[in-house]
Amino acid sequence: MTIIKGSEVILRPATPNDCRQIYEWLTQSDITSKMIGPPDFIDNPIPTWEDFINDYNSHFFDDIDPDNGRSFIIEVSDFQLGHINYNEIDRRTDSVELDIWLASSDHCNKGYGTDAINTLCKYLTSKLNCKAFILAPSARNKAAIRAYKKCGFEPTNELQTSFIPDYHDTIVMVKRIQQ
């Protein structure tokens, strides 16, 4: 897979060597508590390393089956500042769930996450024919909801039959692309 260029960010395909760093950004950042773990997210505990590698298994770090999902490192000027991925593409609806987290609060509110999401959506539309994108934050994560709305995502009550929410107050947000 090739590097994907956005307005400001570059999405570099993650390799197995990036896995530990991605895990640490998720679980040990100064913004971890805004997404997972106590005190506010007791319903979504911080994953152990074993939990993480079971969820983010090898297909997220190779190009063997693009429909199965892929992880990317978000970079600006060769500096790694976060992670974004897409999960398995639902070919019945050409829809896919995305997930994103930044490495620290230093990278928030600069437009990097918005650029990364929009860049990945454009790529998945043009290269893998995706037409609908899903993000599913907790209602408690107000900053994420605002950021996702900037990218054109809107709350929906439509759920895929295979969708399993991470939070008791998950807000499913969708962005549809017309081709």
Foldseek 3Di string as FASTA:
>chain_A
DDWFDFPFKIWAFAAPVCQVVQLCLCQPEPCNCLAEDPDVHPLQHRDDSVVSCVVVDHVQHDDPDVQAKHKTFIDGPNHTWWIKMWGHQDVVQLEIEMDIGTSYPVPPPPCSVLRVVLRVVVCCCVPVVRFKYKYKGAPSNVSVVVSVVVNVWDFDPDDDPPDDHSGPRITITMHGDDD
